[in-house]
Every structure is written in C-alpha cells, then in structure tokens.
C-alpha cells in the first residue's frame, strides 16, 4: 500500500469531514468545516491529508502557537484522524512525522496535543511516537446545570 502525504486543499474538506464522521459515528458539527477553512487560510502548511490510491485516508491539522498559558512557541496537533479501514497501517505516524518536519523547519522545539487520558489506545499510540505527559492539565466546568 502506497501512502502519499500532501498539503490539504479546500477541496479536501468534505473528504476530511467524512473521515471524521466515520471515526466518530456521528455527523460533524457545522463549525468544523469553518475551522478547517480557517486553519487552511491561516496556516496551510500545517494542514495535511494522507491519500491511498487517490482516496483521502487520513488527515492532520496543526498550528504553531505560543504565549497562551505562558507556553513558548510550540507546534500543536489540533486533530489527527485516520479512516478505520486504514488504521494500523502507519498513516497517522506518517502524518505526524510530516507535520513534525514542518514544525522543525519553523524552529519549533516542542509538539503538543491533547488526548482523553482514559483512551489508553490513543495515549499509548502517542507515547510510542515519543510523546510524554506534559506539565499542563485541562480544567473544565459545565456551562449548564443539570
């Protein structure tokens, strides 16, 4: 199987949303399409897709940010997704490696992402790629009382 990682284009938006819907099992929310378009406009080199035989099999959206929460300039993996039919074939790894090259070329020393701590498979996947638990934690509060 040959995998090609390339820059995402606006024409890939529907395929990316379709992959995400296949992963989650639910329709995407309206704001996700505008989020993709925004990231593509603001940081086109951080938005990639992986193709297998001309079909989008995975995607990654990344960004370079800093100063929020006193974090120095860092590369962020916003989201990475691989169609379940292509999982376990190195596609996510290829996407993350290609995005990492972009970050290194822009003098970024750390790559950050957030995952559900209870998703052992995803935590294990990122650990296998060299990611470690950071010093930051996410705090949350519900907006509506139940």
N, C-alpha and C. Protein backbone atom coordinates (compact mmCIF):
# COMPACT_ATOMS: atom_id res chain seq x y z
N UNK A 1 0.85 -1.18 0.00
CA UNK A 1 0.00 0.00 0.00
C UNK A 1 0.90 1.24 0.00
N UNK A 2 0.66 2.12 -0.94
CA UNK A 2 1.43 3.35 -1.05
C UNK A 2 0.63 4.51 -0.46
N UNK A 3 1.25 5.23 0.47
CA UNK A 3 0.61 6.37 1.13
C UNK A 3 1.32 7.64 0.70
N UNK A 4 0.54 8.62 0.27
CA UNK A 4 1.08 9.92 -0.10
C UNK A 4 0.55 10.95 0.89
N UNK A 5 1.45 11.68 1.54
CA UNK A 5 1.06 12.77 2.43
C UNK A 5 1.30 14.06 1.67
N UNK A 6 0.26 14.89 1.61
CA UNK A 6 0.36 16.15 0.87
C UNK A 6 -0.39 17.25 1.61
N UNK A 7 -0.18 18.48 1.16
CA UNK A 7 -0.91 19.60 1.74
C UNK A 7 -2.40 19.45 1.45
N UNK A 8 -3.20 19.79 2.43
CA UNK A 8 -4.65 19.78 2.28
C UNK A 8 -5.05 21.00 1.44
N UNK A 9 -6.11 20.84 0.68
CA UNK A 9 -6.69 21.94 -0.08
C UNK A 9 -8.13 22.13 0.38
N UNK A 10 -8.73 23.26 0.07
CA UNK A 10 -10.14 23.44 0.43
C UNK A 10 -11.04 22.35 -0.16
N UNK A 11 -10.65 21.80 -1.31
CA UNK A 11 -11.44 20.74 -1.94
C UNK A 11 -11.42 19.44 -1.13
N UNK A 12 -10.50 19.31 -0.20
CA UNK A 12 -10.41 18.10 0.64
C UNK A 12 -11.34 18.17 1.85
N UNK A 13 -11.96 19.30 2.09
CA UNK A 13 -12.75 19.50 3.31
C UNK A 13 -13.83 18.43 3.48
N UNK A 14 -14.59 18.16 2.45
CA UNK A 14 -15.66 17.16 2.56
C UNK A 14 -15.11 15.78 2.87
N UNK A 15 -14.00 15.41 2.24
CA UNK A 15 -13.39 14.10 2.50
C UNK A 15 -12.89 14.01 3.93
N UNK A 16 -12.30 15.09 4.43
CA UNK A 16 -11.80 15.12 5.81
C UNK A 16 -12.97 14.98 6.79
N UNK A 17 -14.04 15.72 6.54
CA UNK A 17 -15.22 15.63 7.41
C UNK A 17 -15.83 14.23 7.34
N UNK A 18 -15.81 13.62 6.18
CA UNK A 18 -16.34 12.27 6.02
C UNK A 18 -15.51 11.26 6.82
N UNK A 19 -14.17 11.39 6.78
CA UNK A 19 -13.32 10.51 7.57
C UNK A 19 -13.63 10.69 9.05
N UNK A 20 -13.76 11.94 9.48
CA UNK A 20 -14.05 12.21 10.88
C UNK A 20 -15.41 11.61 11.29
N UNK A 21 -16.40 11.71 10.42
CA UNK A 21 -17.72 11.13 10.72
C UNK A 21 -17.63 9.61 10.81
N UNK A 22 -16.80 9.00 9.97
CA UNK A 22 -16.62 7.55 10.03
C UNK A 22 -15.98 7.15 11.36
N UNK A 23 -15.03 7.94 11.82
CA UNK A 23 -14.35 7.66 13.09
C UNK A 23 -15.31 7.81 14.26
N UNK A 24 -16.03 8.92 14.29
CA UNK A 24 -16.87 9.23 15.46
C UNK A 24 -18.24 8.55 15.41
N UNK A 25 -18.70 8.21 14.20
CA UNK A 25 -20.01 7.61 14.07
C UNK A 25 -21.15 8.60 14.17
N UNK A 26 -20.84 9.88 14.06
CA UNK A 26 -21.90 10.90 14.11
C UNK A 26 -21.58 12.04 13.14
N UNK A 27 -22.62 12.75 12.68
CA UNK A 27 -22.40 13.84 11.74
C UNK A 27 -21.55 14.95 12.38
N UNK A 28 -20.78 15.64 11.53
CA UNK A 28 -19.95 16.72 12.05
C UNK A 28 -20.80 17.93 12.39
N UNK A 29 -20.30 18.71 13.31
CA UNK A 29 -20.97 19.96 13.65
C UNK A 29 -20.58 21.02 12.63
N UNK A 30 -21.45 21.97 12.42
CA UNK A 30 -21.26 22.98 11.37
C UNK A 30 -19.95 23.75 11.52
N UNK A 31 -19.53 24.00 12.74
CA UNK A 31 -18.33 24.83 12.92
C UNK A 31 -17.05 24.11 12.49
N UNK A 32 -17.05 22.77 12.35
CA UNK A 32 -15.83 22.07 11.98
C UNK A 32 -15.39 22.43 10.57
N UNK A 33 -16.34 22.60 9.66
CA UNK A 33 -15.98 22.99 8.30
C UNK A 33 -15.31 24.36 8.29
N UNK A 34 -15.87 25.31 9.03
CA UNK A 34 -15.27 26.64 9.07
C UNK A 34 -13.93 26.62 9.79
N UNK A 35 -13.75 25.72 10.74
CA UNK A 35 -12.46 25.58 11.45
C UNK A 35 -11.39 25.10 10.48
N UNK A 36 -11.74 24.13 9.64
CA UNK A 36 -10.78 23.64 8.64
C UNK A 36 -10.40 24.77 7.69
N UNK A 37 -11.39 25.47 7.17
CA UNK A 37 -11.13 26.56 6.22
C UNK A 37 -10.27 27.63 6.88
N UNK A 38 -10.54 27.96 8.14
CA UNK A 38 -9.76 28.95 8.88
C UNK A 38 -8.30 28.51 9.01
N UNK A 39 -8.08 27.27 9.43
CA UNK A 39 -6.71 26.78 9.57
C UNK A 39 -5.99 26.73 8.22
N UNK A 40 -6.71 26.32 7.18
CA UNK A 40 -6.11 26.31 5.84
C UNK A 40 -5.67 27.70 5.39
N UNK A 41 -6.48 28.70 5.71
CA UNK A 41 -6.15 30.07 5.31
C UNK A 41 -5.00 30.63 6.15
N UNK A 42 -5.01 30.32 7.43
CA UNK A 42 -4.04 30.89 8.36
C UNK A 42 -2.71 30.13 8.35
N UNK A 43 -2.76 28.83 8.18
CA UNK A 43 -1.56 28.01 8.32
C UNK A 43 -1.63 26.82 7.35
N UNK A 44 -1.59 27.07 6.05
CA UNK A 44 -1.79 25.99 5.08
C UNK A 44 -0.75 24.87 5.16
N UNK A 45 0.46 25.15 5.61
CA UNK A 45 1.49 24.11 5.68
C UNK A 45 1.26 23.15 6.84
N UNK A 46 0.39 23.51 7.76
CA UNK A 46 0.10 22.66 8.91
C UNK A 46 -1.12 21.77 8.71
N UNK A 47 -1.70 21.80 7.52
CA UNK A 47 -2.90 21.01 7.23
C UNK A 47 -2.55 20.00 6.14
N UNK A 48 -2.61 18.72 6.50
CA UNK A 48 -2.17 17.67 5.59
C UNK A 48 -3.21 16.58 5.46
N UNK A 49 -3.19 15.90 4.33
CA UNK A 49 -4.00 14.69 4.14
C UNK A 49 -3.09 13.57 3.68
N UNK A 50 -3.51 12.36 4.00
CA UNK A 50 -2.83 11.16 3.51
C UNK A 50 -3.76 10.50 2.51
N UNK A 51 -3.23 10.18 1.34
CA UNK A 51 -4.02 9.53 0.30
C UNK A 51 -3.50 8.12 0.05
N UNK A 52 -4.44 7.23 -0.19
CA UNK A 52 -4.13 5.87 -0.62
C UNK A 52 -4.94 5.66 -1.90
N UNK A 53 -4.24 5.43 -3.00
CA UNK A 53 -4.88 5.24 -4.31
C UNK A 53 -5.86 6.37 -4.63
N UNK A 54 -5.44 7.62 -4.37
CA UNK A 54 -6.25 8.78 -4.68
C UNK A 54 -7.38 9.08 -3.72
N UNK A 55 -7.54 8.29 -2.66
CA UNK A 55 -8.62 8.50 -1.68
C UNK A 55 -8.03 9.03 -0.38
N UNK A 56 -8.67 10.05 0.19
CA UNK A 56 -8.22 10.58 1.47
C UNK A 56 -8.49 9.53 2.55
N UNK A 57 -7.40 9.05 3.14
CA UNK A 57 -7.49 8.01 4.16
C UNK A 57 -7.24 8.56 5.56
N UNK A 58 -6.68 9.78 5.63
CA UNK A 58 -6.40 10.38 6.93
C UNK A 58 -6.07 11.85 6.76
N UNK A 59 -6.01 12.53 7.89
CA UNK A 59 -5.75 13.97 7.87
C UNK A 59 -5.13 14.39 9.20
N UNK A 60 -4.49 15.55 9.18
CA UNK A 60 -3.98 16.16 10.40
C UNK A 60 -4.07 17.67 10.24
N UNK A 61 -4.46 18.33 11.30
CA UNK A 61 -4.50 19.79 11.33
C UNK A 61 -3.57 20.23 12.45
N UNK A 62 -2.59 21.04 12.09
CA UNK A 62 -1.63 21.53 13.07
C UNK A 62 -1.49 23.03 12.99
N UNK A 63 -0.92 23.59 14.04
CA UNK A 63 -0.77 25.04 14.11
C UNK A 63 0.46 25.34 14.96
N UNK A 64 1.05 26.49 14.72
CA UNK A 64 2.15 26.97 15.56
C UNK A 64 1.58 28.11 16.40
N UNK A 65 1.67 27.91 17.70
CA UNK A 65 1.14 28.92 18.62
C UNK A 65 2.11 29.10 19.77
N UNK A 66 1.91 30.18 20.46
CA UNK A 66 2.69 30.45 21.66
C UNK A 66 2.01 31.52 22.47
N UNK A 67 2.51 31.78 23.58
CA UNK A 67 2.13 32.78 24.57
C UNK A 67 0.89 32.43 25.36
N UNK A 68 -0.09 31.67 24.82
CA UNK A 68 -1.24 31.29 25.63
C UNK A 68 -0.75 30.44 26.79
N UNK A 69 -1.26 30.69 27.96
CA UNK A 69 -0.93 29.91 29.15
C UNK A 69 0.57 29.92 29.44
N UNK A 70 1.28 30.93 28.97
CA UNK A 70 2.73 31.08 29.16
C UNK A 70 3.51 29.94 28.50
N UNK A 71 2.94 29.34 27.47
CA UNK A 71 3.63 28.28 26.73
C UNK A 71 4.47 28.93 25.65
N UNK A 72 5.76 28.55 25.55
CA UNK A 72 6.57 29.11 24.46
C UNK A 72 6.08 28.62 23.11
N UNK A 73 6.58 29.25 22.06
CA UNK A 73 6.22 28.87 20.69
C UNK A 73 6.28 27.35 20.56
N UNK A 74 5.15 26.76 20.17
CA UNK A 74 5.02 25.30 20.11
C UNK A 74 4.20 24.90 18.90
N UNK A 75 4.43 23.70 18.44
CA UNK A 75 3.59 23.11 17.41
C UNK A 75 2.45 22.36 18.08
N UNK A 76 1.26 22.56 17.60
CA UNK A 76 0.08 21.89 18.17
C UNK A 76 -0.54 20.98 17.13
N UNK A 77 -0.81 19.76 17.53
CA UNK A 77 -1.64 18.88 16.73
C UNK A 77 -3.07 19.11 17.20
N UNK A 78 -3.85 19.77 16.36
CA UNK A 78 -5.25 20.07 16.70
C UNK A 78 -6.09 18.80 16.64
N UNK A 79 -5.92 18.06 15.55
CA UNK A 79 -6.67 16.82 15.36
C UNK A 79 -5.95 15.98 14.32
N UNK A 80 -5.97 14.69 14.54
CA UNK A 80 -5.46 13.74 13.56
C UNK A 80 -6.50 12.63 13.46
N UNK A 81 -6.79 12.22 12.25
CA UNK A 81 -7.79 11.17 12.06
C UNK A 81 -7.43 10.28 10.89
N UNK A 82 -7.70 8.99 11.07
CA UNK A 82 -7.46 8.02 10.00
C UNK A 82 -8.72 7.17 9.86
N UNK A 83 -9.19 7.02 8.63
CA UNK A 83 -10.34 6.18 8.34
C UNK A 83 -10.10 4.80 8.97
N UNK A 84 -11.07 4.28 9.73
CA UNK A 84 -10.88 2.98 10.38
C UNK A 84 -10.42 1.86 9.45
N UNK A 85 -10.80 1.92 8.19
CA UNK A 85 -10.37 0.90 7.24
C UNK A 85 -8.88 0.96 6.93
N UNK A 86 -8.22 2.06 7.30
CA UNK A 86 -6.80 2.24 7.03
C UNK A 86 -5.97 2.33 8.31
N UNK A 87 -6.61 2.20 9.46
CA UNK A 87 -5.88 2.30 10.73
C UNK A 87 -4.93 1.12 10.88
N UNK A 88 -3.83 1.36 11.59
CA UNK A 88 -2.84 0.33 11.83
C UNK A 88 -1.87 0.13 10.68
N UNK A 89 -1.88 1.05 9.73
CA UNK A 89 -1.03 0.92 8.55
C UNK A 89 0.03 2.02 8.47
N UNK A 90 0.22 2.77 9.56
CA UNK A 90 1.26 3.79 9.60
C UNK A 90 0.85 5.14 9.07
N UNK A 91 -0.42 5.33 8.79
CA UNK A 91 -0.86 6.60 8.20
C UNK A 91 -0.76 7.75 9.20
N UNK A 92 -1.25 7.56 10.41
CA UNK A 92 -1.17 8.63 11.42
C UNK A 92 0.29 8.96 11.71
N UNK A 93 1.12 7.95 11.80
CA UNK A 93 2.55 8.17 12.04
C UNK A 93 3.15 9.01 10.91
N UNK A 94 2.81 8.70 9.66
CA UNK A 94 3.33 9.45 8.51
C UNK A 94 2.86 10.91 8.56
N UNK A 95 1.61 11.11 8.91
CA UNK A 95 1.08 12.47 9.02
C UNK A 95 1.79 13.25 10.12
N UNK A 96 1.97 12.63 11.27
CA UNK A 96 2.62 13.31 12.40
C UNK A 96 4.08 13.60 12.08
N UNK A 97 4.76 12.67 11.43
CA UNK A 97 6.16 12.90 11.06
C UNK A 97 6.29 14.06 10.08
N UNK A 98 5.40 14.11 9.10
CA UNK A 98 5.45 15.19 8.10
C UNK A 98 5.14 16.54 8.76
N UNK A 99 4.16 16.56 9.66
CA UNK A 99 3.85 17.79 10.38
C UNK A 99 5.02 18.18 11.28
N UNK A 100 5.67 17.19 11.89
CA UNK A 100 6.84 17.46 12.72
C UNK A 100 7.97 18.11 11.94
N UNK A 101 8.15 17.69 10.69
CA UNK A 101 9.16 18.31 9.83
C UNK A 101 8.83 19.78 9.60
N UNK A 102 7.58 20.07 9.33
CA UNK A 102 7.14 21.47 9.18
C UNK A 102 7.45 22.26 10.44
N UNK A 103 7.13 21.70 11.60
CA UNK A 103 7.41 22.40 12.87
C UNK A 103 8.91 22.65 13.04
N UNK A 104 9.73 21.61 12.80
CA UNK A 104 11.19 21.78 12.94
C UNK A 104 11.71 22.86 12.00
N UNK A 105 11.19 22.90 10.78
CA UNK A 105 11.62 23.92 9.81
C UNK A 105 11.22 25.33 10.23
N UNK A 106 10.33 25.44 11.21
CA UNK A 106 9.90 26.74 11.72
C UNK A 106 10.37 26.96 13.16
N UNK A 107 11.47 26.30 13.48
CA UNK A 107 12.14 26.47 14.77
C UNK A 107 11.26 26.19 15.97
N UNK A 108 10.38 25.22 15.84
CA UNK A 108 9.54 24.79 16.95
C UNK A 108 10.24 23.63 17.63
N UNK A 109 10.38 23.73 18.94
CA UNK A 109 11.11 22.70 19.69
C UNK A 109 10.20 21.66 20.32
N UNK A 110 8.93 21.99 20.56
CA UNK A 110 8.01 21.04 21.19
C UNK A 110 6.72 20.94 20.40
N UNK A 111 6.19 19.72 20.36
CA UNK A 111 4.89 19.48 19.76
C UNK A 111 3.94 19.08 20.88
N UNK A 112 2.77 19.70 20.91
CA UNK A 112 1.77 19.44 21.94
C UNK A 112 0.47 18.97 21.31
N UNK A 113 -0.27 18.21 22.06
CA UNK A 113 -1.62 17.82 21.67
C UNK A 113 -2.37 17.46 22.93
N UNK A 114 -3.66 17.29 22.84
CA UNK A 114 -4.48 16.85 23.96
C UNK A 114 -5.19 15.57 23.58
N UNK A 115 -5.24 14.64 24.52
CA UNK A 115 -5.97 13.39 24.31
C UNK A 115 -6.75 13.08 25.59
N UNK A 116 -7.76 12.26 25.45
CA UNK A 116 -8.52 11.79 26.61
C UNK A 116 -7.64 10.80 27.37
N UNK A 117 -7.32 11.13 28.61
CA UNK A 117 -6.44 10.29 29.43
C UNK A 117 -6.98 8.87 29.56
N UNK A 118 -8.31 8.71 29.45
CA UNK A 118 -8.94 7.40 29.59
C UNK A 118 -8.89 6.57 28.30
N UNK A 119 -8.43 7.17 27.21
CA UNK A 119 -8.30 6.45 25.94
C UNK A 119 -6.90 5.85 25.87
N UNK A 120 -6.75 4.69 26.51
CA UNK A 120 -5.43 4.06 26.62
C UNK A 120 -4.79 3.81 25.26
N UNK A 121 -5.59 3.44 24.28
CA UNK A 121 -5.05 3.19 22.95
C UNK A 121 -4.42 4.43 22.35
N UNK A 122 -5.10 5.56 22.45
CA UNK A 122 -4.58 6.80 21.89
C UNK A 122 -3.38 7.30 22.69
N UNK A 123 -3.45 7.22 24.01
CA UNK A 123 -2.31 7.61 24.85
C UNK A 123 -1.11 6.74 24.49
N UNK A 124 -1.32 5.43 24.37
CA UNK A 124 -0.25 4.51 24.02
C UNK A 124 0.34 4.80 22.65
N UNK A 125 -0.53 5.16 21.69
CA UNK A 125 -0.06 5.50 20.34
C UNK A 125 0.88 6.69 20.39
N UNK A 126 0.47 7.77 21.07
CA UNK A 126 1.32 8.96 21.14
C UNK A 126 2.60 8.69 21.92
N UNK A 127 2.51 7.89 22.96
CA UNK A 127 3.72 7.54 23.71
C UNK A 127 4.69 6.77 22.83
N UNK A 128 4.17 5.88 21.98
CA UNK A 128 5.03 5.12 21.07
C UNK A 128 5.76 6.04 20.09
N UNK A 129 5.20 7.22 19.85
CA UNK A 129 5.83 8.21 18.97
C UNK A 129 6.75 9.16 19.72
N UNK A 130 6.90 8.93 21.03
CA UNK A 130 7.81 9.75 21.82
C UNK A 130 7.16 10.87 22.62
N UNK A 131 5.84 10.95 22.60
CA UNK A 131 5.15 11.98 23.38
C UNK A 131 5.12 11.56 24.84
N UNK A 132 5.25 12.54 25.73
CA UNK A 132 5.18 12.31 27.17
C UNK A 132 4.12 13.21 27.77
N UNK A 133 3.68 12.87 28.95
CA UNK A 133 2.71 13.70 29.68
C UNK A 133 3.36 15.05 29.95
N UNK A 134 2.64 16.13 29.72
CA UNK A 134 3.20 17.47 29.93
C UNK A 134 2.86 17.95 31.33
N UNK A 135 3.36 19.12 31.64
CA UNK A 135 3.11 19.70 32.96
C UNK A 135 1.77 20.41 33.05
N UNK A 136 1.06 20.51 31.93
CA UNK A 136 -0.22 21.20 31.92
C UNK A 136 -1.37 20.21 32.09
N UNK A 137 -2.43 20.67 32.71
CA UNK A 137 -3.65 19.88 32.82
C UNK A 137 -4.80 20.72 32.29
N UNK A 138 -5.83 20.05 31.84
CA UNK A 138 -7.02 20.73 31.33
C UNK A 138 -8.05 20.75 32.45
N UNK A 139 -8.60 21.92 32.71
CA UNK A 139 -9.67 22.07 33.69
C UNK A 139 -10.95 22.31 32.94
N UNK A 140 -12.08 21.83 33.49
CA UNK A 140 -13.34 22.04 32.80
C UNK A 140 -14.44 22.38 33.80
N UNK A 141 -15.46 23.01 33.27
CA UNK A 141 -16.64 23.37 34.05
C UNK A 141 -17.83 23.34 33.12
N UNK A 142 -18.93 22.74 33.56
CA UNK A 142 -20.13 22.72 32.73
C UNK A 142 -20.74 24.10 32.66
N UNK A 143 -21.32 24.43 31.50
CA UNK A 143 -21.93 25.74 31.32
C UNK A 143 -23.38 25.76 31.76
N UNK A 144 -23.99 24.59 31.85
CA UNK A 144 -25.39 24.49 32.21
C UNK A 144 -25.52 23.50 33.37
N UNK A 145 -26.29 23.88 34.35
CA UNK A 145 -26.53 22.96 35.47
C UNK A 145 -27.53 21.91 35.05
N UNK A 146 -27.31 20.68 35.49
CA UNK A 146 -28.20 19.60 35.15
C UNK A 146 -29.23 19.39 36.23
